[in-house]
Amino acid sequence: MKKLAFLLLFASCLSIQAMSQKDSTKRGKVGAALNKAGNATAHVAVSGVSAVKDKKYKSKVGPEGQTIYIDKNSHYYYVDGRGKKVYLKKAELKNKPKK
């Protein structure tokens, strides 16, 4: 019974998502603005969690000057504009420019 309820809930979520994607293509500029706002929200959320949870690498920056974080497994990453963590090798990091 629980599996059936979960399956119905999952199917309804997929159908709602498909309908919203179809509507966003019709809206044009409004859909693009919503997408941009969603990406900005995701970026702020992931950056906030990373700032609290992981260490900042103070002497290095990312390819375009992004803040570098070090996670618990000593992996280096930055948060891109869409809120996705992009992992880098240590050789890919750049020195932080002096002010």
PDB file of N, CA and C in Angstrom:
ATOM      1  N   MET A   1       0.822  -1.186   0.000  1.00  0.00           N
ATOM      2  CA  MET A   1       0.000   0.000   0.000  1.00  0.00           C
ATOM      3  C   MET A   1       0.867   1.251   0.000  1.00  0.00           C
ATOM      4  N   LYS A   2       1.924   1.231   0.831  1.00  0.00           N
ATOM      5  CA  LYS A   2       2.806   2.389   0.898  1.00  0.00           C
ATOM      6  C   LYS A   2       3.522   2.597  -0.432  1.00  0.00           C
ATOM      7  N   LYS A   3       3.915   1.474  -1.067  1.00  0.00           N
ATOM      8  CA  LYS A   3       4.601   1.580  -2.354  1.00  0.00           C
ATOM      9  C   LYS A   3       3.677   2.165  -3.411  1.00  0.00           C
ATOM     10  N   LEU A   4       2.424   1.780  -3.387  1.00  0.00           N
ATOM     11  CA  LEU A   4       1.456   2.298  -4.346  1.00  0.00           C
ATOM     12  C   LEU A   4       1.243   3.793  -4.126  1.00  0.00           C
ATOM     13  N   ALA A   5       1.123   4.219  -2.880  1.00  0.00           N
ATOM     14  CA  ALA A   5       0.951   5.637  -2.580  1.00  0.00           C
ATOM     15  C   ALA A   5       2.181   6.433  -3.017  1.00  0.00           C
ATOM     16  N   PHE A   6       3.355   5.888  -2.765  1.00  0.00           N
ATOM     17  CA  PHE A   6       4.579   6.559  -3.189  1.00  0.00           C
ATOM     18  C   PHE A   6       4.649   6.652  -4.705  1.00  0.00           C
ATOM     19  N   LEU A   7       4.286   5.590  -5.398  1.00  0.00           N
ATOM     20  CA  LEU A   7       4.306   5.580  -6.859  1.00  0.00           C
ATOM     21  C   LEU A   7       3.339   6.611  -7.430  1.00  0.00           C
ATOM     22  N   LEU A   8       2.148   6.720  -6.856  1.00  0.00           N
ATOM     23  CA  LEU A   8       1.180   7.710  -7.320  1.00  0.00           C
ATOM     24  C   LEU A   8       1.666   9.134  -7.059  1.00  0.00           C
ATOM     25  N   LEU A   9       2.263   9.351  -5.907  1.00  0.00           N
ATOM     26  CA  LEU A   9       2.812  10.669  -5.582  1.00  0.00           C
ATOM     27  C   LEU A   9       3.945  11.032  -6.533  1.00  0.00           C
ATOM     28  N   PHE A  10       4.810  10.091  -6.813  1.00  0.00           N
ATOM     29  CA  PHE A  10       5.931  10.318  -7.723  1.00  0.00           C
ATOM     30  C   PHE A  10       5.429  10.622  -9.133  1.00  0.00           C
ATOM     31  N   ALA A  11       4.438   9.878  -9.599  1.00  0.00           N
ATOM     32  CA  ALA A  11       3.885  10.103 -10.934  1.00  0.00           C
ATOM     33  C   ALA A  11       3.219  11.474 -11.027  1.00  0.00           C
ATOM     34  N   SER A  12       2.527  11.879  -9.992  1.00  0.00           N
ATOM     35  CA  SER A  12       1.876  13.187 -10.024  1.00  0.00           C
ATOM     36  C   SER A  12       2.909  14.306 -10.027  1.00  0.00           C
ATOM     37  N   CYS A  13       3.993  14.132  -9.291  1.00  0.00           N
ATOM     38  CA  CYS A  13       5.060  15.144  -9.297  1.00  0.00           C
ATOM     39  C   CYS A  13       5.690  15.260 -10.668  1.00  0.00           C
ATOM     40  N   LEU A  14       5.909  14.130 -11.329  1.00  0.00           N
ATOM     41  CA  LEU A  14       6.474  14.166 -12.672  1.00  0.00           C
ATOM     42  C   LEU A  14       5.544  14.853 -13.658  1.00  0.00           C
ATOM     43  N   SER A  15       4.255  14.598 -13.561  1.00  0.00           N
ATOM     44  CA  SER A  15       3.315  15.223 -14.489  1.00  0.00           C
ATOM     45  C   SER A  15       3.216  16.724 -14.241  1.00  0.00           C
ATOM     46  N   ILE A  16       3.245  17.141 -12.985  1.00  0.00           N
ATOM     47  CA  ILE A  16       3.214  18.576 -12.675  1.00  0.00           C
ATOM     48  C   ILE A  16       4.471  19.249 -13.201  1.00  0.00           C
ATOM     49  N   GLN A  17       5.611  18.588 -13.045  1.00  0.00           N
ATOM     50  CA  GLN A  17       6.861  19.163 -13.536  1.00  0.00           C
ATOM     51  C   GLN A  17       6.840  19.278 -15.058  1.00  0.00           C
ATOM     52  N   ALA A  18       6.326  18.283 -15.746  1.00  0.00           N
ATOM     53  CA  ALA A  18       6.262  18.331 -17.201  1.00  0.00           C
ATOM     54  C   ALA A  18       5.336  19.451 -17.663  1.00  0.00           C
ATOM     55  N   MET A  19       4.225  19.627 -16.969  1.00  0.00           N
ATOM     56  CA  MET A  19       3.301  20.708 -17.335  1.00  0.00           C
ATOM     57  C   MET A  19       3.932  22.066 -17.097  1.00  0.00           C
ATOM     58  N   SER A  20       4.665  22.226 -16.009  1.00  0.00           N
ATOM     59  CA  SER A  20       5.281  23.519 -15.715  1.00  0.00           C
ATOM     60  C   SER A  20       6.388  23.828 -16.711  1.00  0.00           C
ATOM     61  N   GLN A  21       7.106  22.817 -17.178  1.00  0.00           N
ATOM     62  CA  GLN A  21       8.136  23.048 -18.178  1.00  0.00           C
ATOM     63  C   GLN A  21       7.515  23.471 -19.497  1.00  0.00           C
ATOM     64  N   LYS A  22       6.383  22.881 -19.847  1.00  0.00           N
ATOM     65  CA  LYS A  22       5.709  23.252 -21.078  1.00  0.00           C
ATOM     66  C   LYS A  22       5.217  24.693 -20.988  1.00  0.00           C
ATOM     67  N   ASP A  23       4.684  25.087 -19.846  1.00  0.00           N
ATOM     68  CA  ASP A  23       4.202  26.449 -19.659  1.00  0.00           C
ATOM     69  C   ASP A  23       5.344  27.459 -19.689  1.00  0.00           C
ATOM     70  N   SER A  24       6.510  27.101 -19.138  1.00  0.00           N
ATOM     71  CA  SER A  24       7.615  28.057 -19.091  1.00  0.00           C
ATOM     72  C   SER A  24       8.155  28.344 -20.478  1.00  0.00           C
ATOM     73  N   THR A  25       8.061  27.376 -21.405  1.00  0.00           N
ATOM     74  CA  THR A  25       8.519  27.650 -22.762  1.00  0.00           C
ATOM     75  C   THR A  25       7.555  28.588 -23.474  1.00  0.00           C
ATOM     76  N   LYS A  26       6.291  28.558 -23.108  1.00  0.00           N
ATOM     77  CA  LYS A  26       5.315  29.454 -23.713  1.00  0.00           C
ATOM     78  C   LYS A  26       5.480  30.875 -23.202  1.00  0.00           C
ATOM     79  N   ARG A  27       5.911  31.030 -21.983  1.00  0.00           N
ATOM     80  CA  ARG A  27       5.988  32.347 -21.382  1.00  0.00           C
ATOM     81  C   ARG A  27       7.157  33.174 -21.892  1.00  0.00           C
ATOM     82  N   GLY A  28       8.200  32.552 -22.419  1.00  0.00           N
ATOM     83  CA  GLY A  28       9.328  33.284 -22.967  1.00  0.00           C
ATOM     84  C   GLY A  28      10.144  33.996 -21.920  1.00  0.00           C
ATOM     85  N   LYS A  29      10.024  35.312 -21.882  1.00  0.00           N
ATOM     86  CA  LYS A  29      10.847  36.119 -20.976  1.00  0.00           C
ATOM     87  C   LYS A  29      10.538  35.836 -19.516  1.00  0.00           C
ATOM     88  N   VAL A  30       9.304  35.544 -19.209  1.00  0.00           N
ATOM     89  CA  VAL A  30       8.937  35.244 -17.821  1.00  0.00           C
ATOM     90  C   VAL A  30       9.587  33.940 -17.387  1.00  0.00           C
ATOM     91  N   GLY A  31       9.571  32.949 -18.265  1.00  0.00           N
ATOM     92  CA  GLY A  31      10.206  31.666 -17.950  1.00  0.00           C
ATOM     93  C   GLY A  31      11.706  31.823 -17.754  1.00  0.00           C
ATOM     94  N   ALA A  32      12.331  32.657 -18.585  1.00  0.00           N
ATOM     95  CA  ALA A  32      13.766  32.895 -18.450  1.00  0.00           C
ATOM     96  C   ALA A  32      14.076  33.618 -17.143  1.00  0.00           C
ATOM     97  N   ALA A  33      13.222  34.555 -16.769  1.00  0.00           N
ATOM     98  CA  ALA A  33      13.422  35.279 -15.509  1.00  0.00           C
ATOM     99  C   ALA A  33      13.265  34.339 -14.317  1.00  0.00           C
ATOM    100  N   LEU A  34      12.288  33.444 -14.379  1.00  0.00           N
ATOM    101  CA  LEU A  34      12.099  32.473 -13.298  1.00  0.00           C
ATOM    102  C   LEU A  34      13.300  31.543 -13.198  1.00  0.00           C
ATOM    103  N   ASN A  35      13.829  31.126 -14.338  1.00  0.00           N
ATOM    104  CA  ASN A  35      14.999  30.254 -14.356  1.00  0.00           C
ATOM    105  C   ASN A  35      16.201  30.970 -13.755  1.00  0.00           C
ATOM    106  N   LYS A  36      16.380  32.232 -14.112  1.00  0.00           N
ATOM    107  CA  LYS A  36      17.492  33.013 -13.572  1.00  0.00           C
ATOM    108  C   LYS A  36      17.359  33.186 -12.056  1.00  0.00           C
ATOM    109  N   ALA A  37      16.152  33.453 -11.599  1.00  0.00           N
ATOM    110  CA  ALA A  37      15.921  33.608 -10.158  1.00  0.00           C
ATOM    111  C   ALA A  37      16.164  32.289  -9.423  1.00  0.00           C
ATOM    112  N   GLY A  38      15.755  31.192 -10.016  1.00  0.00           N
ATOM    113  CA  GLY A  38      15.990  29.883  -9.403  1.00  0.00           C
ATOM    114  C   GLY A  38      17.469  29.561  -9.302  1.00  0.00           C
ATOM    115  N   ASN A  39      18.222  29.880 -10.357  1.00  0.00           N
ATOM    116  CA  ASN A  39      19.665  29.644 -10.330  1.00  0.00           C
ATOM    117  C   ASN A  39      20.339  30.501  -9.260  1.00  0.00           C
ATOM    118  N   ALA A  40      19.924  31.755  -9.153  1.00  0.00           N
ATOM    119  CA  ALA A  40      20.506  32.647  -8.141  1.00  0.00           C
ATOM    120  C   ALA A  40      20.195  32.143  -6.734  1.00  0.00           C
ATOM    121  N   THR A  41      18.986  31.677  -6.532  1.00  0.00           N
ATOM    122  CA  THR A  41      18.595  31.146  -5.221  1.00  0.00           C
ATOM    123  C   THR A  41      19.420  29.906  -4.873  1.00  0.00           C
ATOM    124  N   ALA A  42      19.603  29.023  -5.838  1.00  0.00           N
ATOM    125  CA  ALA A  42      20.401  27.817  -5.611  1.00  0.00           C
ATOM    126  C   ALA A  42      21.842  28.174  -5.314  1.00  0.00           C
ATOM    127  N   HIS A  43      22.388  29.152  -6.029  1.00  0.00           N
ATOM    128  CA  HIS A  43      23.773  29.575  -5.802  1.00  0.00           C
ATOM    129  C   HIS A  43      23.952  30.112  -4.382  1.00  0.00           C
ATOM    130  N   VAL A  44      23.034  30.957  -3.943  1.00  0.00           N
ATOM    131  CA  VAL A  44      23.117  31.532  -2.597  1.00  0.00           C
ATOM    132  C   VAL A  44      22.976  30.446  -1.537  1.00  0.00           C
ATOM    133  N   ALA A  45      22.068  29.516  -1.741  1.00  0.00           N
ATOM    134  CA  ALA A  45      21.843  28.453  -0.762  1.00  0.00           C
ATOM    135  C   ALA A  45      23.067  27.553  -0.630  1.00  0.00           C
ATOM    136  N   VAL A  46      23.621  27.109  -1.753  1.00  0.00           N
ATOM    137  CA  VAL A  46      24.773  26.203  -1.707  1.00  0.00           C
ATOM    138  C   VAL A  46      26.005  26.932  -1.180  1.00  0.00           C
ATOM    139  N   SER A  47      26.178  28.193  -1.566  1.00  0.00           N
ATOM    140  CA  SER A  47      27.316  28.969  -1.062  1.00  0.00           C
ATOM    141  C   SER A  47      27.220  29.155   0.452  1.00  0.00           C
ATOM    142  N   GLY A  48      26.022  29.405   0.950  1.00  0.00           N
ATOM    143  CA  GLY A  48      25.829  29.568   2.385  1.00  0.00           C
ATOM    144  C   GLY A  48      26.145  28.305   3.160  1.00  0.00           C
ATOM    145  N   VAL A  49      25.677  27.187   2.655  1.00  0.00           N
ATOM    146  CA  VAL A  49      25.950  25.907   3.314  1.00  0.00           C
ATOM    147  C   VAL A  49      27.442  25.611   3.270  1.00  0.00           C
ATOM    148  N   SER A  50      28.077  25.878   2.128  1.00  0.00           N
ATOM    149  CA  SER A  50      29.513  25.620   2.002  1.00  0.00           C
ATOM    150  C   SER A  50      30.325  26.498   2.941  1.00  0.00           C
ATOM    151  N   ALA A  51      29.920  27.746   3.097  1.00  0.00           N
ATOM    152  CA  ALA A  51      30.653  28.663   3.972  1.00  0.00           C
ATOM    153  C   ALA A  51      30.590  28.213   5.424  1.00  0.00           C
ATOM    154  N   VAL A  52      29.491  27.614   5.822  1.00  0.00           N
ATOM    155  CA  VAL A  52      29.336  27.162   7.205  1.00  0.00           C
ATOM    156  C   VAL A  52      29.980  25.796   7.408  1.00  0.00           C
ATOM    157  N   LYS A  53      29.781  24.907   6.465  1.00  0.00           N
ATOM    158  CA  LYS A  53      30.169  23.512   6.626  1.00  0.00           C
ATOM    159  C   LYS A  53      31.641  23.248   6.311  1.00  0.00           C
ATOM    160  N   ASP A  54      32.175  23.883   5.260  1.00  0.00           N
ATOM    161  CA  ASP A  54      33.518  23.584   4.786  1.00  0.00           C
ATOM    162  C   ASP A  54      34.470  24.766   5.015  1.00  0.00           C
ATOM    163  N   LYS A  55      35.759  24.489   4.862  1.00  0.00           N
ATOM    164  CA  LYS A  55      36.771  25.531   5.037  1.00  0.00           C
ATOM    165  C   LYS A  55      36.973  26.287   3.728  1.00  0.00           C
ATOM    166  N   LYS A  56      37.322  27.564   3.844  1.00  0.00           N
ATOM    167  CA  LYS A  56      37.671  28.364   2.672  1.00  0.00           C
ATOM    168  C   LYS A  56      39.184  28.280   2.461  1.00  0.00           C
ATOM    169  N   TYR A  57      39.574  28.223   1.198  1.00  0.00           N
ATOM    170  CA  TYR A  57      40.988  28.248   0.848  1.00  0.00           C
ATOM    171  C   TYR A  57      41.324  29.707   0.570  1.00  0.00           C
ATOM    172  N   LYS A  58      42.009  30.353   1.496  1.00  0.00           N
ATOM    173  CA  LYS A  58      42.191  31.805   1.452  1.00  0.00           C
ATOM    174  C   LYS A  58      43.184  32.270   0.400  1.00  0.00           C
ATOM    175  N   SER A  59      44.194  31.469   0.064  1.00  0.00           N
ATOM    176  CA  SER A  59      45.238  31.928  -0.846  1.00  0.00           C
ATOM    177  C   SER A  59      44.999  31.530  -2.300  1.00  0.00           C
ATOM    178  N   LYS A  60      43.932  30.810  -2.593  1.00  0.00           N
ATOM    179  CA  LYS A  60      43.650  30.370  -3.961  1.00  0.00           C
ATOM    180  C   LYS A  60      42.235  30.760  -4.362  1.00  0.00           C
ATOM    181  N   VAL A  61      42.025  30.885  -5.683  1.00  0.00           N
ATOM    182  CA  VAL A  61      40.700  31.171  -6.238  1.00  0.00           C
ATOM    183  C   VAL A  61      40.441  30.230  -7.406  1.00  0.00           C
ATOM    184  N   GLY A  62      39.199  30.215  -7.870  1.00  0.00           N
ATOM    185  CA  GLY A  62      38.821  29.384  -8.997  1.00  0.00           C
ATOM    186  C   GLY A  62      39.233  30.007 -10.317  1.00  0.00           C
ATOM    187  N   PRO A  63      38.847  29.400 -11.435  1.00  0.00           N
ATOM    188  CA  PRO A  63      39.243  29.878 -12.758  1.00  0.00           C
ATOM    189  C   PRO A  63      38.801  31.312 -13.056  1.00  0.00           C
ATOM    190  N   GLU A  64      37.692  31.729 -12.502  1.00  0.00           N
ATOM    191  CA  GLU A  64      37.184  33.082 -12.749  1.00  0.00           C
ATOM    192  C   GLU A  64      37.097  33.889 -11.453  1.00  0.00           C
ATOM    193  N   GLY A  65      37.935  33.554 -10.487  1.00  0.00           N
ATOM    194  CA  GLY A  65      37.987  34.299  -9.231  1.00  0.00           C
ATOM    195  C   GLY A  65      37.000  33.836  -8.181  1.00  0.00           C
ATOM    196  N   GLN A  66      36.425  32.657  -8.325  1.00  0.00           N
ATOM    197  CA  GLN A  66      35.460  32.143  -7.357  1.00  0.00           C
ATOM    198  C   GLN A  66      36.157  31.729  -6.063  1.00  0.00           C
ATOM    199  N   THR A  67      35.408  31.747  -4.984  1.00  0.00           N
ATOM    200  CA  THR A  67      35.903  31.287  -3.688  1.00  0.00           C
ATOM    201  C   THR A  67      36.051  29.773  -3.724  1.00  0.00           C
ATOM    202  N   ILE A  68      37.169  29.282  -3.232  1.00  0.00           N
ATOM    203  CA  ILE A  68      37.428  27.843  -3.193  1.00  0.00           C
ATOM    204  C   ILE A  68      37.134  27.325  -1.798  1.00  0.00           C
ATOM    205  N   TYR A  69      36.428  26.212  -1.719  1.00  0.00           N
ATOM    206  CA  TYR A  69      36.115  25.550  -0.453  1.00  0.00           C
ATOM    207  C   TYR A  69      36.810  24.188  -0.425  1.00  0.00           C
ATOM    208  N   ILE A  70      37.114  23.720   0.780  1.00  0.00           N
ATOM    209  CA  ILE A  70      37.719  22.405   0.978  1.00  0.00           C
ATOM    210  C   ILE A  70      36.751  21.587   1.810  1.00  0.00           C
ATOM    211  N   ASP A  71      36.286  20.455   1.264  1.00  0.00           N
ATOM    212  CA  ASP A  71      35.322  19.632   1.997  1.00  0.00           C
ATOM    213  C   ASP A  71      36.032  18.685   2.963  1.00  0.00           C
ATOM    214  N   LYS A  72      35.267  17.852   3.633  1.00  0.00           N
ATOM    215  CA  LYS A  72      35.813  16.979   4.675  1.00  0.00           C
ATOM    216  C   LYS A  72      36.777  15.927   4.126  1.00  0.00           C
ATOM    217  N   ASN A  73      36.705  15.659   2.822  1.00  0.00           N
ATOM    218  CA  ASN A  73      37.599  14.692   2.199  1.00  0.00           C
ATOM    219  C   ASN A  73      38.791  15.357   1.524  1.00  0.00           C
ATOM    220  N   SER A  74      39.033  16.632   1.816  1.00  0.00           N
ATOM    221  CA  SER A  74      40.122  17.429   1.251  1.00  0.00           C
ATOM    222  C   SER A  74      40.010  17.582  -0.269  1.00  0.00           C
ATOM    223  N   HIS A  75      38.795  17.683  -0.766  1.00  0.00           N
ATOM    224  CA  HIS A  75      38.560  17.970  -2.176  1.00  0.00           C
ATOM    225  C   HIS A  75      38.272  19.458  -2.323  1.00  0.00           C
ATOM    226  N   TYR A  76      38.780  20.050  -3.395  1.00  0.00           N
ATOM    227  CA  TYR A  76      38.623  21.478  -3.639  1.00  0.00           C
ATOM    228  C   TYR A  76      37.460  21.695  -4.607  1.00  0.00           C
ATOM    229  N   TYR A  77      36.622  22.682  -4.313  1.00  0.00           N
ATOM    230  CA  TYR A  77      35.513  22.986  -5.205  1.00  0.00           C
ATOM    231  C   TYR A  77      35.100  24.439  -5.073  1.00  0.00           C
ATOM    232  N   TYR A  78      34.359  24.909  -6.086  1.00  0.00           N
ATOM    233  CA  TYR A  78      33.709  26.216  -6.017  1.00  0.00           C
ATOM    234  C   TYR A  78      32.263  26.033  -6.433  1.00  0.00           C
ATOM    235  N   VAL A  79      31.441  27.029  -6.175  1.00  0.00           N
ATOM    236  CA  VAL A  79      30.025  26.961  -6.511  1.00  0.00           C
ATOM    237  C   VAL A  79      29.807  27.823  -7.747  1.00  0.00           C
ATOM    238  N   ASP A  80      29.281  27.214  -8.824  1.00  0.00           N
ATOM    239  CA  ASP A  80      29.052  27.976 -10.052  1.00  0.00           C
ATOM    240  C   ASP A  80      27.757  28.780  -9.949  1.00  0.00           C
ATOM    241  N   GLY A  81      27.421  29.487 -11.004  1.00  0.00           N
ATOM    242  CA  GLY A  81      26.257  30.369 -11.008  1.00  0.00           C
ATOM    243  C   GLY A  81      24.926  29.653 -10.892  1.00  0.00           C
ATOM    244  N   ARG A  82      24.900  28.365 -11.155  1.00  0.00           N
ATOM    245  CA  ARG A  82      23.665  27.590 -11.069  1.00  0.00           C
ATOM    246  C   ARG A  82      23.525  26.852  -9.750  1.00  0.00           C
ATOM    247  N   GLY A  83      24.493  27.046  -8.841  1.00  0.00           N
ATOM    248  CA  GLY A  83      24.416  26.403  -7.533  1.00  0.00           C
ATOM    249  C   GLY A  83      25.015  25.016  -7.508  1.00  0.00           C
ATOM    250  N   LYS A  84      25.790  24.664  -8.527  1.00  0.00           N
ATOM    251  CA  LYS A  84      26.395  23.338  -8.605  1.00  0.00           C
ATOM    252  C   LYS A  84      27.832  23.408  -8.091  1.00  0.00           C
ATOM    253  N   LYS A  85      28.247  22.406  -7.330  1.00  0.00           N
ATOM    254  CA  LYS A  85      29.625  22.329  -6.858  1.00  0.00           C
ATOM    255  C   LYS A  85      30.489  21.798  -7.996  1.00  0.00           C
ATOM    256  N   VAL A  86      31.537  22.539  -8.336  1.00  0.00           N
ATOM    257  CA  VAL A  86      32.459  22.140  -9.392  1.00  0.00           C
ATOM    258  C   VAL A  86      33.786  21.805  -8.724  1.00  0.00           C
ATOM    259  N   TYR A  87      34.159  20.534  -8.772  1.00  0.00           N
ATOM    260  CA  TYR A  87      35.379  20.082  -8.123  1.00  0.00           C
ATOM    261  C   TYR A  87      36.577  20.307  -9.036  1.00  0.00           C
ATOM    262  N   LEU A  88      37.700  20.705  -8.420  1.00  0.00           N
ATOM    263  CA  LEU A  88      38.923  21.002  -9.148  1.00  0.00           C
ATOM    264  C   LEU A  88      40.082  20.214  -8.555  1.00  0.00           C
ATOM    265  N   LYS A  89      41.096  20.002  -9.391  1.00  0.00           N
ATOM    266  CA  LYS A  89      42.346  19.453  -8.887  1.00  0.00           C
ATOM    267  C   LYS A  89      43.170  20.608  -8.338  1.00  0.00           C
ATOM    268  N   LYS A  90      44.098  20.308  -7.466  1.00  0.00           N
ATOM    269  CA  LYS A  90      44.905  21.365  -6.856  1.00  0.00           C
ATOM    270  C   LYS A  90      45.694  22.127  -7.919  1.00  0.00           C
ATOM    271  N   ALA A  91      46.091  21.463  -8.992  1.00  0.00           N
ATOM    272  CA  ALA A  91      46.858  22.112 -10.056  1.00  0.00           C
ATOM    273  C   ALA A  91      46.007  23.131 -10.827  1.00  0.00           C
ATOM    274  N   GLU A  92      44.683  23.014 -10.782  1.00  0.00           N
ATOM    275  CA  GLU A  92      43.797  23.922 -11.504  1.00  0.00           C
ATOM    276  C   GLU A  92      43.504  25.210 -10.742  1.00  0.00           C
ATOM    277  N   LEU A  93      43.909  25.283  -9.482  1.00  0.00           N
ATOM    278  CA  LEU A  93      43.648  26.473  -8.680  1.00  0.00           C
ATOM    279  C   LEU A  93      44.622  27.577  -9.047  1.00  0.00           C
ATOM    280  N   LYS A  94      44.173  28.817  -8.930  1.00  0.00           N
ATOM    281  CA  LYS A  94      45.010  29.982  -9.213  1.00  0.00           C
ATOM    282  C   LYS A  94      45.306  30.724  -7.912  1.00  0.00           C
ATOM    283  N   ASN A  95      46.443  31.401  -7.898  1.00  0.00           N
ATOM    284  CA  ASN A  95      46.773  32.217  -6.737  1.00  0.00           C
ATOM    285  C   ASN A  95      45.823  33.405  -6.653  1.00  0.00           C
ATOM    286  N   LYS A  96      45.482  33.775  -5.439  1.00  0.00           N
ATOM    287  CA  LYS A  96      44.593  34.911  -5.235  1.00  0.00           C
ATOM    288  C   LYS A  96      45.352  36.203  -5.562  1.00  0.00           C
ATOM    289  N   PRO A  97      44.760  37.084  -6.368  1.00  0.00           N
ATOM    290  CA  PRO A  97      45.465  38.325  -6.708  1.00  0.00           C
ATOM    291  C   PRO A  97      45.638  39.224  -5.490  1.00  0.00           C
ATOM    292  N   LYS A  98      46.773  39.893  -5.448  1.00  0.00           N
ATOM    293  CA  LYS A  98      47.037  40.811  -4.330  1.00  0.00           C
ATOM    294  C   LYS A  98      46.354  42.134  -4.599  1.00  0.00           C
ATOM    295  N   LYS A  99      45.826  42.752  -3.568  1.00  0.00           N
ATOM    296  CA  LYS A  99      45.090  44.005  -3.731  1.00  0.00           C
ATOM    297  C   LYS A  99      45.993  45.185  -3.841  1.00  0.00           C
TER     298      LYS A  99
END
